[in-house]
Amino acid sequence: MERKAKVELFEQIRREYEFGVGTIRGVAHKLKVHRRMVRQALASAEPPERKQVARERPVIGPLRLYIDAILEADRKAPRKQRHSAHRIYERMRTERPDYQVAEVTVRSYVRERKRELGWSTRAICVPQSYAPGQEGQVDWYEAWAELNGAQVKLQVFALRSMMSGAAFHRAYHHATQQAFFEAHEQAFHYFGGVFRLLRYDNLKSAVKKVLRGQQREQATRFIAFRSHWRFESDFCTPAEPHEKGGIEGEAGYFRRNHWVPIPRARDLDELNAQLLAGCRDDERRQIAGHHQTVGAAMIAERAQLLPLAEQDFELAEVSFPRVDGLGCVRVKTNLYSAPALPGRTVEVRLYPSHVEVRDEGRLIARHQRCYERHQQVLDLEHYLDVLERKPGALSGSRPLAAWRERGLWPESYDQLLTEFIERNGKQSGTRQMIQVLSLIKPYGHGRVRAAVEKAIALGCADAAAVRHLVEAADLTHARDAVIELHALSRFERPLPVMTDYDGLLSKEVVS
C-alpha cells in the first residue's frame, strides 16, 4: 500500500473510533483491517516506516570476506595506492575465476563497505570571503592535446583570483621550475598586478622538504622569485586539497569547457594562444552569488593588486660549454648545434621552451628545448659553411634528416638539387644548392620555398636565377607621374614672332 493511501486509511480509522463505533474490534470489523493497525492508527496519525528486510546476497555473499580483507589491507597502504572497485573486480576475475559476479555488484558492495569504514565521509568546510587583491591560488593539472597531429600529455599551470574568480591557464611539456616561474609572470601580466598572497600545495618547484606543521624548507630560487615580485606564499597541509578548493574547482571547470574536445594546434605556442582566448571568454561569465561578471570584478580588483616589477625575473639557466667537433654544445645531456668554431666557449641560456646560444653576446643559434635525454637537436643552416667546403656530406647528413622530419625540406628542394647535379655535376650542383639554402637566413623558409617552386616551373635550374626570384619582391620600379591634361595649361607660352628677325636679314642683304 502506498504511503498516501495508508495515511488516509489511518485518518478514517481515527475518525471512526472517535465519532463512530468507538471500539477497536468494531472499527477493525467495519473497515476490514487488523486490530493491530487500528492500535497503530490510534497511537499516531502517521503510519510507521516499513521495516527494511535484510536480503540475502547469494552472489556477493561468498566473496565478502575476500573483499573485506583487501579493504582492511588498504588501511596501511598509501592513499593513492589503494584498491579501487574496478581493481578489486579485476583481481576477483583472476584469483576467484569460479565466482561469476557483475562489476556493478562489486562496486555497490565496495561503496557500502567504504562508507562503513569511514573512507567516503566528506569533511565540512567553512565558507571564506576574500578582499580584492588579497589571495590567488596556484596549481598544476594534466591535460591532453593534439600537437602537429600527435596526442601529447601536457602539464597546465593555473592561477585563480579568489575574489573575482578570473583565472589564467598555460600549458607546458614539463612542470619544471623555469616553467613555473615563467607562467607566474605571464599570469601577473594577464591580471595587471600581483596578488599579496599566493597559496600552493607542496610542489617541488617551491618546497624542498615538508617540516612539522606549517613549516617548509623552501627552494632558494623560489625565495628569490618571491622577493622579486614582493608577494607572500602559503602552503596547504599535505593531502588536504580542500584548503585550495578554488583552484581545484577551476581546473575541473576549465578542463570540461576548454579541453573538451581535445584541442588541436600546430605547436605549444598556438595552443597557449587558444587557452588565453578561453580565459578571455570566461571573463564574460557570472559566477553564482556574484553581482557582476568575472571580467568586471577583475578590472575592479586590479587597482588593489601590487604593481608589476620594472623587469621580469631572470629565468634562464646560464652555462658556458665548448663547441665540440660536431659543431654542437651539450646542455643537460642533449646536443644542440651552434655555428661556431670547435673548441670555442659559448654562452648557453636555457629557457622553459627554447635554448639560446650566444657568442660574445650575439645570438648565433636558437632551438626548441628537448626534454628527452641524449638527443641531438641539429639545424642544417648551422652547417652550410662546412658543407660549402664538403658538399659530399650533404646527402647523408643528420641535419638534413632533421629538416626532413620537421617539414623544412620539401620535395621541391630534392627536385632542384637533382637538376643542379644533372646540369653541373655532383660537387658543383650541391654547392649551388647550398647557395640557395643560404638565402633562408635573410629571407625565411617560405620565401625561398616559393622561389624554388617558381624556378622549377620556369625551368631555371640555376642558383642565380633562384636568388633573383627571391629578391624580386624587394625590387621597386619607378612609375611615371600621371598628370591631368587640364593641369598642363600652366606650361603654355606664346609662339615667337619672327617678323623682326626677317627684317634684319633683309637689311643685311641690301647693304
Protein backbone atom coordinates (compact mmCIF):
# COMPACT_ATOMS: atom_id res chain seq x y z
CA MET A 1 0.00 0.00 0.00
CA GLU A 2 1.29 3.45 -0.89
CA ARG A 3 2.06 5.77 1.97
CA LYS A 4 -0.55 8.35 0.94
CA ALA A 5 -3.30 5.72 0.91
CA LYS A 6 -2.14 4.45 4.29
CA VAL A 7 -2.21 7.95 5.81
CA GLU A 8 -5.77 8.40 4.54
CA LEU A 9 -6.75 5.00 5.98
CA PHE A 10 -5.29 5.97 9.37
CA GLU A 11 -7.35 9.16 9.29
CA GLN A 12 -10.51 7.13 8.58
CA ILE A 13 -9.71 4.74 11.43
CA ARG A 14 -9.18 7.58 13.90
CA ARG A 15 -12.43 9.26 12.89
CA GLU A 16 -14.42 6.01 13.09
CA TYR A 17 -13.06 5.29 16.54
CA GLU A 18 -13.76 8.80 17.86
CA PHE A 19 -17.07 9.59 16.17
CA GLY A 20 -18.35 6.19 15.07
CA VAL A 21 -18.20 2.67 16.51
CA GLY A 22 -15.88 3.65 19.31
CA THR A 23 -14.22 0.26 19.83
CA ILE A 24 -11.08 -1.27 18.35
CA ARG A 25 -12.88 -4.50 17.44
CA GLY A 26 -15.79 -2.64 15.85
CA VAL A 27 -13.53 -0.38 13.75
CA ALA A 28 -11.47 -3.39 12.59
CA HIS A 29 -14.61 -5.29 11.61
CA LYS A 30 -16.17 -2.35 9.79
CA LEU A 31 -13.10 -1.27 7.83
CA LYS A 32 -11.80 -4.82 7.22
CA VAL A 33 -8.40 -4.19 8.83
CA HIS A 34 -6.42 -5.90 11.54
CA ARG A 35 -6.82 -4.75 15.14
CA ARG A 36 -3.02 -4.16 15.24
CA MET A 37 -3.41 -1.50 12.53
CA VAL A 38 -6.22 0.15 14.48
CA ARG A 39 -3.94 0.41 17.52
CA GLN A 40 -1.17 1.89 15.36
CA ALA A 41 -3.56 4.49 13.94
CA LEU A 42 -4.78 5.46 17.41
CA ALA A 43 -1.19 5.82 18.62
CA SER A 44 -0.04 8.11 15.78
CA ALA A 45 -1.60 9.80 12.77
CA GLU A 46 1.48 8.90 10.68
CA PRO A 47 1.98 5.25 9.74
CA PRO A 48 5.27 3.72 10.92
CA GLU A 49 8.02 3.29 8.36
CA ARG A 50 8.16 -0.08 6.73
CA LYS A 51 10.98 -2.19 8.06
CA GLN A 52 13.72 -2.94 5.57
CA VAL A 53 14.17 -6.64 5.28
CA ALA A 54 17.80 -7.73 5.15
CA ARG A 55 18.00 -9.71 1.96
CA GLU A 56 20.46 -12.40 1.26
CA ARG A 57 23.22 -11.78 -1.26
CA PRO A 58 23.81 -15.13 -2.87
CA VAL A 59 26.24 -13.76 -5.50
CA ILE A 60 28.47 -11.44 -3.47
CA GLY A 61 27.98 -13.27 -0.17
CA PRO A 62 30.76 -15.87 -0.65
CA LEU A 63 33.16 -13.09 -1.66
CA ARG A 64 32.55 -10.74 1.25
CA LEU A 65 35.45 -11.99 3.33
CA TYR A 66 37.75 -11.75 0.31
CA ILE A 67 36.77 -8.11 -0.40
CA ASP A 68 36.85 -7.13 3.28
CA ALA A 69 40.40 -8.50 3.58
CA ILE A 70 41.55 -6.35 0.64
CA LEU A 71 39.95 -3.22 2.10
CA GLU A 72 41.42 -3.94 5.51
CA ALA A 73 44.90 -4.27 4.00
CA ASP A 74 44.37 -0.94 2.22
CA ARG A 75 44.24 0.80 5.58
CA LYS A 76 48.04 0.51 5.77
CA ALA A 77 48.67 1.31 2.09
CA PRO A 78 49.42 4.82 0.76
CA ARG A 79 46.26 6.78 -0.01
CA LYS A 80 46.87 6.90 -3.77
CA GLN A 81 47.77 3.22 -3.98
CA ARG A 82 44.64 1.70 -2.51
CA HIS A 83 42.33 -0.61 -4.43
CA SER A 84 39.57 0.85 -6.50
CA ALA A 85 36.36 -1.14 -7.01
CA HIS A 86 37.41 -1.85 -10.58
CA ARG A 87 40.81 -3.14 -9.44
CA ILE A 88 39.13 -5.46 -6.91
CA TYR A 89 36.85 -6.75 -9.66
CA GLU A 90 39.87 -7.46 -11.92
CA ARG A 91 41.62 -9.33 -9.09
CA MET A 92 38.50 -11.39 -8.45
CA ARG A 93 38.36 -12.43 -12.10
CA THR A 94 41.98 -13.60 -11.87
CA GLU A 95 42.10 -15.05 -8.34
CA ARG A 96 38.48 -16.25 -7.99
CA PRO A 97 37.51 -17.36 -11.51
CA ASP A 98 34.90 -19.82 -10.19
CA TYR A 99 32.67 -16.98 -8.97
CA GLN A 100 30.69 -15.15 -11.66
CA VAL A 101 29.73 -11.69 -10.45
CA ALA A 102 28.97 -8.43 -12.28
CA GLU A 103 31.24 -5.44 -11.78
CA VAL A 104 28.29 -3.25 -10.76
CA THR A 105 27.59 -5.65 -7.88
CA VAL A 106 31.20 -5.37 -6.70
CA ARG A 107 31.11 -1.59 -6.99
CA SER A 108 27.93 -1.39 -4.92
CA TYR A 109 29.34 -3.54 -2.13
CA VAL A 110 32.72 -1.74 -2.08
CA ARG A 111 30.95 1.63 -1.91
CA GLU A 112 28.87 0.43 1.03
CA ARG A 113 31.86 -1.01 2.89
CA LYS A 114 33.99 2.11 2.36
CA ARG A 115 31.16 4.21 3.76
CA GLU A 116 31.03 1.94 6.81
CA LEU A 117 34.80 2.20 7.23
CA GLY A 118 34.60 6.00 7.11
CA TRP A 119 36.59 6.39 3.88
CA SER A 120 33.83 8.15 1.96
CA THR A 121 32.87 10.78 4.50
CA ARG A 122 33.17 14.35 3.26
CA ALA A 123 34.71 16.97 5.50
CA ILE A 124 32.69 20.06 6.38
CA CYS A 125 34.42 23.22 5.14
CA VAL A 126 33.89 26.77 6.37
CA PRO A 127 33.00 29.30 3.63
CA GLN A 128 35.64 32.01 3.18
CA SER A 129 35.50 35.62 1.99
CA TYR A 130 38.32 37.41 0.17
CA ALA A 131 39.21 41.07 -0.18
CA PRO A 132 40.23 42.41 -3.61
CA GLY A 133 43.83 41.50 -4.42
CA GLN A 134 44.18 39.51 -1.23
CA GLU A 135 44.74 35.94 -2.44
CA GLY A 136 45.35 33.85 -5.51
CA GLN A 137 45.64 30.08 -5.66
CA VAL A 138 48.08 28.15 -7.87
CA ASP A 139 48.20 24.55 -9.07
CA TRP A 140 49.25 22.24 -11.92
CA TYR A 141 46.95 19.77 -13.66
CA GLU A 142 47.32 17.35 -16.56
CA ALA A 143 45.56 17.53 -19.92
CA TRP A 144 45.91 16.03 -23.39
CA ALA A 145 46.20 17.96 -26.65
CA GLU A 146 46.92 17.14 -30.27
CA LEU A 147 50.09 18.93 -31.38
CA ASN A 148 51.12 18.61 -35.01
CA GLY A 149 48.92 15.53 -35.41
CA ALA A 150 50.14 13.63 -32.31
CA GLN A 151 48.39 13.41 -28.92
CA VAL A 152 50.62 14.72 -26.13
CA LYS A 153 50.12 14.83 -22.36
CA LEU A 154 50.79 18.33 -21.07
CA GLN A 155 51.23 19.98 -17.69
CA VAL A 156 48.98 23.01 -17.29
CA PHE A 157 49.67 25.88 -14.89
CA ALA A 158 46.64 27.66 -13.43
CA LEU A 159 46.37 30.74 -11.19
CA ARG A 160 42.95 31.88 -9.95
CA SER A 161 41.88 35.08 -8.25
CA MET A 162 39.79 34.15 -5.22
CA MET A 163 37.89 37.42 -5.22
CA SER A 164 36.92 37.84 -8.89
CA GLY A 165 37.08 34.19 -9.99
CA ALA A 166 39.23 35.07 -13.03
CA ALA A 167 41.90 32.54 -13.92
CA PHE A 168 44.96 32.16 -16.14
CA HIS A 169 45.97 28.84 -17.76
CA ARG A 170 49.17 28.00 -19.65
CA ALA A 171 50.43 24.61 -20.90
CA TYR A 172 53.96 23.18 -20.84
CA HIS A 173 55.54 19.89 -21.77
CA HIS A 174 57.03 19.54 -18.27
CA ALA A 175 56.28 21.22 -14.95
CA THR A 176 59.83 22.47 -14.39
CA GLN A 177 60.77 25.27 -12.04
CA GLN A 178 61.54 27.53 -15.00
CA ALA A 179 58.09 26.88 -16.46
CA PHE A 180 56.62 27.51 -13.00
CA PHE A 181 58.25 30.95 -12.77
CA GLU A 182 57.53 31.90 -16.38
CA ALA A 183 53.84 31.02 -16.00
CA HIS A 184 53.66 33.19 -12.87
CA GLU A 185 54.98 36.18 -14.78
CA GLN A 186 52.59 35.59 -17.67
CA ALA A 187 49.72 35.41 -15.15
CA PHE A 188 50.81 38.63 -13.40
CA HIS A 189 50.77 40.47 -16.72
CA TYR A 190 47.37 38.95 -17.52
CA PHE A 191 45.86 40.21 -14.25
CA GLY A 192 47.72 43.52 -14.40
CA GLY A 193 49.34 43.12 -10.98
CA VAL A 194 50.49 40.75 -8.25
CA PHE A 195 48.37 39.18 -5.50
CA ARG A 196 49.51 39.82 -1.97
CA LEU A 197 49.27 36.11 -1.06
CA LEU A 198 49.58 33.04 -3.25
CA ARG A 199 48.52 29.66 -1.89
CA TYR A 200 50.16 26.44 -3.12
CA ASP A 201 50.27 22.78 -2.40
CA ASN A 202 53.72 21.37 -1.62
CA LEU A 203 55.07 21.26 -5.18
CA LYS A 204 58.78 20.62 -5.68
CA SER A 205 59.35 23.85 -7.58
CA ALA A 206 58.77 25.77 -4.35
CA VAL A 207 59.19 23.30 -1.45
CA LYS A 208 62.26 21.14 -0.92
CA LYS A 209 61.02 19.48 2.26
CA VAL A 210 57.82 19.48 4.34
CA LEU A 211 58.64 20.05 8.01
CA ARG A 212 56.41 19.92 11.06
CA GLY A 213 53.14 21.84 10.95
CA GLN A 214 53.19 24.78 8.54
CA GLN A 215 56.97 24.96 8.33
CA ARG A 216 58.58 24.30 4.93
CA GLU A 217 62.14 24.19 3.64
CA GLN A 218 61.67 26.28 0.51
CA ALA A 219 63.72 26.27 -2.70
CA THR A 220 66.30 29.04 -2.93
CA ARG A 221 65.24 30.15 -6.41
CA PHE A 222 61.61 30.31 -5.30
CA ILE A 223 62.54 32.59 -2.38
CA ALA A 224 64.41 34.88 -4.79
CA PHE A 225 61.46 34.86 -7.21
CA ARG A 226 59.01 35.67 -4.42
CA SER A 227 61.23 38.51 -3.21
CA HIS A 228 61.50 39.92 -6.73
CA TRP A 229 57.70 40.09 -7.16
CA ARG A 230 57.05 41.00 -3.47
CA PHE A 231 54.24 38.53 -2.70
CA GLU A 232 53.79 36.19 0.25
CA SER A 233 53.30 32.43 -0.03
CA ASP A 234 51.32 29.88 1.95
CA PHE A 235 51.33 26.10 1.62
CA CYS A 236 48.49 23.67 2.22
CA THR A 237 48.53 20.69 4.54
CA PRO A 238 49.65 17.57 2.64
CA ALA A 239 46.76 15.51 1.24
CA GLU A 240 44.25 18.30 2.04
CA PRO A 241 43.31 19.74 -1.36
CA HIS A 242 40.18 21.42 0.02
CA GLU A 243 42.44 24.10 1.53
CA LYS A 244 42.80 25.47 -2.01
CA GLY A 245 39.43 24.39 -3.31
CA GLY A 246 39.09 27.43 -5.56
CA ILE A 247 41.85 26.39 -7.96
CA GLU A 248 40.84 22.71 -7.73
CA GLY A 249 37.35 23.57 -8.95
CA GLU A 250 38.74 25.98 -11.57
CA ALA A 251 40.89 23.22 -13.10
CA GLY A 252 37.85 20.97 -13.45
CA TYR A 253 35.69 23.74 -14.93
CA PHE A 254 38.31 24.83 -17.46
CA ARG A 255 39.08 21.23 -18.46
CA ARG A 256 35.41 20.48 -19.13
CA ASN A 257 34.80 23.69 -21.09
CA HIS A 258 38.05 24.29 -22.98
CA TRP A 259 39.87 20.93 -23.12
CA VAL A 260 36.83 19.02 -24.42
CA PRO A 261 37.01 18.02 -27.21
CA ILE A 262 40.79 17.56 -27.27
CA PRO A 263 42.21 20.81 -28.69
CA ARG A 264 44.35 20.73 -31.82
CA ALA A 265 47.25 23.05 -32.58
CA ARG A 266 50.40 23.24 -34.68
CA ASP A 267 52.64 23.72 -31.63
CA LEU A 268 52.58 24.72 -27.98
CA ASP A 269 52.56 28.46 -28.75
CA GLU A 270 49.40 28.13 -30.83
CA LEU A 271 47.77 26.01 -28.12
CA ASN A 272 48.58 28.59 -25.43
CA ALA A 273 47.01 31.25 -27.63
CA GLN A 274 43.83 29.14 -27.64
CA LEU A 275 43.98 28.79 -23.85
CA LEU A 276 44.41 32.54 -23.45
CA ALA A 277 41.35 33.08 -25.64
CA GLY A 278 39.47 30.66 -23.38
CA CYS A 279 40.49 32.70 -20.33
CA ARG A 280 39.17 35.82 -22.05
CA ASP A 281 35.91 34.08 -22.87
CA ASP A 282 35.43 33.10 -19.22
CA GLU A 283 35.62 36.76 -18.23
CA ARG A 284 32.08 37.13 -19.62
CA ARG A 285 30.55 34.53 -17.31
CA GLN A 286 28.93 35.36 -13.99
CA ILE A 287 29.56 33.07 -11.03
CA ALA A 288 26.54 32.16 -8.91
CA GLY A 289 26.20 34.52 -5.95
CA HIS A 290 28.29 37.27 -7.60
CA HIS A 291 26.69 40.53 -8.69
CA GLN A 292 28.98 41.20 -11.67
CA THR A 293 30.79 39.29 -14.34
CA VAL A 294 34.24 37.81 -13.81
CA GLY A 295 35.82 40.37 -16.13
CA ALA A 296 34.19 43.34 -14.39
CA ALA A 297 35.31 42.05 -10.99
CA MET A 298 38.85 41.52 -12.31
CA ILE A 299 39.03 45.12 -13.54
CA ALA A 300 37.76 46.39 -10.19
CA GLU A 301 40.31 44.24 -8.35
CA ARG A 302 43.25 45.42 -10.47
CA ALA A 303 43.61 48.66 -8.50
CA GLN A 304 44.21 46.64 -5.29
CA LEU A 305 46.94 44.41 -6.72
CA LEU A 306 50.62 45.02 -6.08
CA PRO A 307 52.25 46.83 -9.04
CA LEU A 308 54.27 44.84 -11.54
CA ALA A 309 58.05 44.78 -11.22
CA GLU A 310 60.02 47.05 -13.55
CA GLN A 311 61.59 43.99 -15.19
CA ASP A 312 60.89 40.28 -15.15
CA PHE A 313 62.83 37.77 -13.09
CA GLU A 314 65.83 36.22 -14.85
CA LEU A 315 64.56 32.76 -15.73
CA ALA A 316 67.44 31.45 -17.84
CA GLU A 317 69.87 28.83 -16.62
CA VAL A 318 73.25 30.03 -17.90
CA SER A 319 76.14 27.75 -18.76
CA PHE A 320 79.35 28.07 -20.78
CA PRO A 321 80.03 24.86 -22.75
CA ARG A 322 82.56 24.36 -25.52
CA VAL A 323 81.67 23.62 -29.12
CA ASP A 324 82.71 20.06 -29.99
CA GLY A 325 83.97 18.61 -33.25
CA LEU A 326 80.40 18.06 -34.50
CA GLY A 327 79.54 21.73 -34.12
CA CYS A 328 77.37 21.12 -31.04
CA VAL A 329 77.18 22.20 -27.40
CA ARG A 330 75.99 19.88 -24.64
CA VAL A 331 73.12 21.10 -22.46
CA LYS A 332 71.68 18.70 -19.85
CA THR A 333 72.76 15.53 -21.74
CA ASN A 334 71.45 16.83 -25.11
CA LEU A 335 73.47 18.22 -28.03
CA TYR A 336 72.41 21.43 -29.80
CA SER A 337 74.07 22.65 -32.99
CA ALA A 338 75.86 26.02 -32.99
CA PRO A 339 77.62 27.81 -35.88
CA ALA A 340 80.92 28.37 -34.08
CA LEU A 341 84.45 27.02 -34.34
CA PRO A 342 85.26 23.78 -32.48
CA GLY A 343 86.79 24.40 -29.07
CA ARG A 344 85.23 27.85 -28.70
CA THR A 345 83.45 28.58 -25.42
CA VAL A 346 79.95 30.00 -25.91
CA GLU A 347 77.16 31.14 -23.61
CA VAL A 348 74.04 28.96 -23.42
CA ARG A 349 70.80 30.30 -21.93
CA LEU A 350 68.26 27.58 -21.15
CA TYR A 351 64.59 28.63 -21.01
CA PRO A 352 61.43 26.53 -20.42
CA SER A 353 60.61 26.29 -24.13
CA HIS A 354 63.82 27.07 -26.00
CA VAL A 355 67.62 27.19 -25.87
CA GLU A 356 69.71 30.19 -26.94
CA VAL A 357 73.40 30.02 -27.88
CA ARG A 358 75.34 33.30 -27.77
CA ASP A 359 78.87 34.18 -28.79
CA GLU A 360 80.20 37.36 -27.15
CA GLY A 361 76.62 38.45 -26.50
CA ARG A 362 75.49 37.88 -30.11
CA LEU A 363 72.70 35.34 -30.66
CA ILE A 364 74.01 32.69 -33.07
CA ALA A 365 71.53 29.82 -32.55
CA ARG A 366 68.08 29.21 -31.11
CA HIS A 367 66.49 25.76 -30.71
CA GLN A 368 63.29 24.39 -29.27
CA ARG A 369 64.16 22.77 -25.95
CA CYS A 370 64.27 18.97 -25.91
CA TYR A 371 63.22 17.28 -22.66
CA GLU A 372 64.36 13.81 -23.67
CA ARG A 373 67.83 12.50 -22.84
CA HIS A 374 70.90 12.03 -25.04
CA GLN A 375 69.31 13.53 -28.15
CA GLN A 376 70.76 15.66 -30.96
CA VAL A 377 68.92 18.84 -31.98
CA LEU A 378 70.50 19.93 -35.27
CA ASP A 379 69.81 22.77 -37.70
CA LEU A 380 71.09 22.38 -41.28
CA GLU A 381 71.55 26.14 -41.52
CA HIS A 382 74.38 25.94 -38.98
CA TYR A 383 76.40 23.61 -41.22
CA LEU A 384 76.16 25.48 -44.55
CA ASP A 385 79.67 26.94 -44.27
CA VAL A 386 81.12 23.49 -43.65
CA LEU A 387 79.07 21.93 -46.46
CA GLU A 388 80.34 24.62 -48.85
CA ARG A 389 83.77 23.04 -48.39
CA LYS A 390 82.47 19.46 -48.08
CA PRO A 391 79.44 19.22 -50.39
CA GLY A 392 79.54 15.44 -50.49
CA ALA A 393 78.45 15.28 -46.83
CA LEU A 394 75.03 16.85 -47.50
CA SER A 395 73.04 13.85 -48.75
CA GLY A 396 73.60 11.63 -45.71
CA SER A 397 73.84 14.29 -43.01
CA ARG A 398 71.79 14.20 -39.82
CA PRO A 399 70.90 17.92 -40.04
CA LEU A 400 69.29 17.22 -43.42
CA ALA A 401 67.32 14.31 -41.91
CA ALA A 402 66.22 16.60 -39.07
CA TRP A 403 64.92 19.15 -41.57
CA ARG A 404 63.01 16.44 -43.39
CA GLU A 405 61.35 15.36 -40.12
CA ARG A 406 60.40 18.94 -39.31
CA GLY A 407 58.98 19.55 -42.79
CA LEU A 408 61.62 22.15 -43.70
CA TRP A 409 62.92 20.21 -46.71
CA PRO A 410 60.06 19.90 -49.25
CA GLU A 411 60.09 17.77 -52.37
CA SER A 412 60.82 20.84 -54.50
CA TYR A 413 64.29 21.06 -52.88
CA ASP A 414 65.03 17.47 -53.88
CA GLN A 415 63.87 18.20 -57.42
CA LEU A 416 66.02 21.34 -57.67
CA LEU A 417 69.07 19.52 -56.27
CA THR A 418 68.64 16.75 -58.84
CA GLU A 419 68.51 19.30 -61.68
CA PHE A 420 71.61 21.08 -60.32
CA ILE A 421 73.55 17.80 -60.23
CA GLU A 422 72.45 16.75 -63.72
CA ARG A 423 73.46 20.10 -65.14
CA ASN A 424 76.67 20.89 -63.23
CA GLY A 425 77.85 17.62 -61.68
CA LYS A 426 77.56 16.40 -58.11
CA GLN A 427 80.13 18.70 -56.44
CA SER A 428 79.21 21.91 -58.24
CA GLY A 429 75.50 21.15 -58.24
CA THR A 430 75.47 20.53 -54.48
CA ARG A 431 77.34 23.80 -53.90
CA GLN A 432 74.70 25.66 -55.89
CA MET A 433 72.01 24.08 -53.70
CA ILE A 434 73.91 25.23 -50.62
CA GLN A 435 73.96 28.75 -52.04
CA VAL A 436 70.17 28.56 -52.37
CA LEU A 437 69.83 27.34 -48.77
CA SER A 438 71.96 30.25 -47.57
CA LEU A 439 69.13 32.56 -48.68
CA ILE A 440 66.88 31.14 -45.92
CA LYS A 441 68.60 33.06 -43.12
CA PRO A 442 67.97 36.57 -44.54
CA TYR A 443 64.67 35.86 -46.35
CA GLY A 444 62.97 33.00 -44.47
CA HIS A 445 61.82 29.50 -45.40
CA GLY A 446 58.53 30.47 -47.01
CA ARG A 447 60.01 32.99 -49.42
CA VAL A 448 62.84 30.69 -50.53
CA ARG A 449 60.47 27.76 -50.98
CA ALA A 450 58.16 29.83 -53.18
CA ALA A 451 61.13 31.00 -55.29
CA VAL A 452 62.38 27.41 -55.73
CA GLU A 453 58.95 26.22 -56.87
CA LYS A 454 58.70 29.13 -59.31
CA ALA A 455 62.20 28.43 -60.69
CA ILE A 456 61.30 24.77 -61.28
CA ALA A 457 58.11 25.81 -63.07
CA LEU A 458 60.12 28.18 -65.31
CA GLY A 459 62.86 25.61 -65.95
CA CYS A 460 65.57 27.81 -64.38
CA ALA A 461 67.93 25.33 -62.73
CA ASP A 462 70.42 27.99 -61.63
CA ALA A 463 71.27 29.40 -58.20
CA ALA A 464 71.50 32.96 -59.55
CA ALA A 465 68.01 32.66 -61.02
CA VAL A 466 66.61 31.48 -57.67
CA ARG A 467 68.36 34.39 -55.92
CA HIS A 468 66.81 36.83 -58.40
CA LEU A 469 63.33 35.38 -57.78
CA VAL A 470 63.82 35.66 -54.03
CA GLU A 471 64.99 39.27 -54.22
CA ALA A 472 62.44 40.27 -56.87
CA ALA A 473 59.85 41.09 -54.23
CA ASP A 474 62.13 43.85 -52.88
CA LEU A 475 62.72 45.45 -56.27
CA THR A 476 60.74 48.65 -56.84
CA HIS A 477 60.05 50.10 -60.27
CA ALA A 478 59.63 53.89 -60.55
CA ARG A 479 56.32 54.76 -62.11
CA ASP A 480 55.84 57.83 -64.32
CA ALA A 481 53.78 60.54 -62.73
CA VAL A 482 50.27 60.84 -64.09
CA ILE A 483 49.34 64.44 -64.93
CA GLU A 484 45.85 65.59 -65.75
CA LEU A 485 45.53 67.37 -69.13
CA HIS A 486 43.88 70.47 -67.71
CA ALA A 487 46.85 70.94 -65.39
CA LEU A 488 49.19 71.47 -68.39
CA SER A 489 47.74 74.90 -69.13
CA ARG A 490 50.20 76.50 -66.71
CA PHE A 491 53.04 75.47 -69.03
CA GLU A 492 51.58 77.29 -72.14
CA ARG A 493 53.77 80.07 -73.68
CA PRO A 494 53.05 82.45 -76.68
CA LEU A 495 54.52 81.48 -80.07
CA PRO A 496 57.61 83.51 -81.12
CA VAL A 497 57.16 86.37 -83.67
CA MET A 498 59.79 86.16 -86.47
CA THR A 499 58.99 89.35 -88.46
CA ASP A 500 61.65 91.48 -86.74
CA TYR A 501 64.23 88.83 -87.37
CA ASP A 502 63.26 88.63 -91.02
CA GLY A 503 63.62 92.45 -91.32
CA LEU A 504 67.13 92.32 -90.03
CA LEU A 505 68.02 89.69 -92.56
CA SER A 506 66.66 91.86 -95.45
CA LYS A 507 68.77 94.90 -94.38
CA GLU A 508 71.86 92.80 -94.37
CA VAL A 509 71.15 91.72 -97.96
CA VAL A 510 70.64 95.34 -99.22
CA SER A 511 73.86 96.53 -97.70
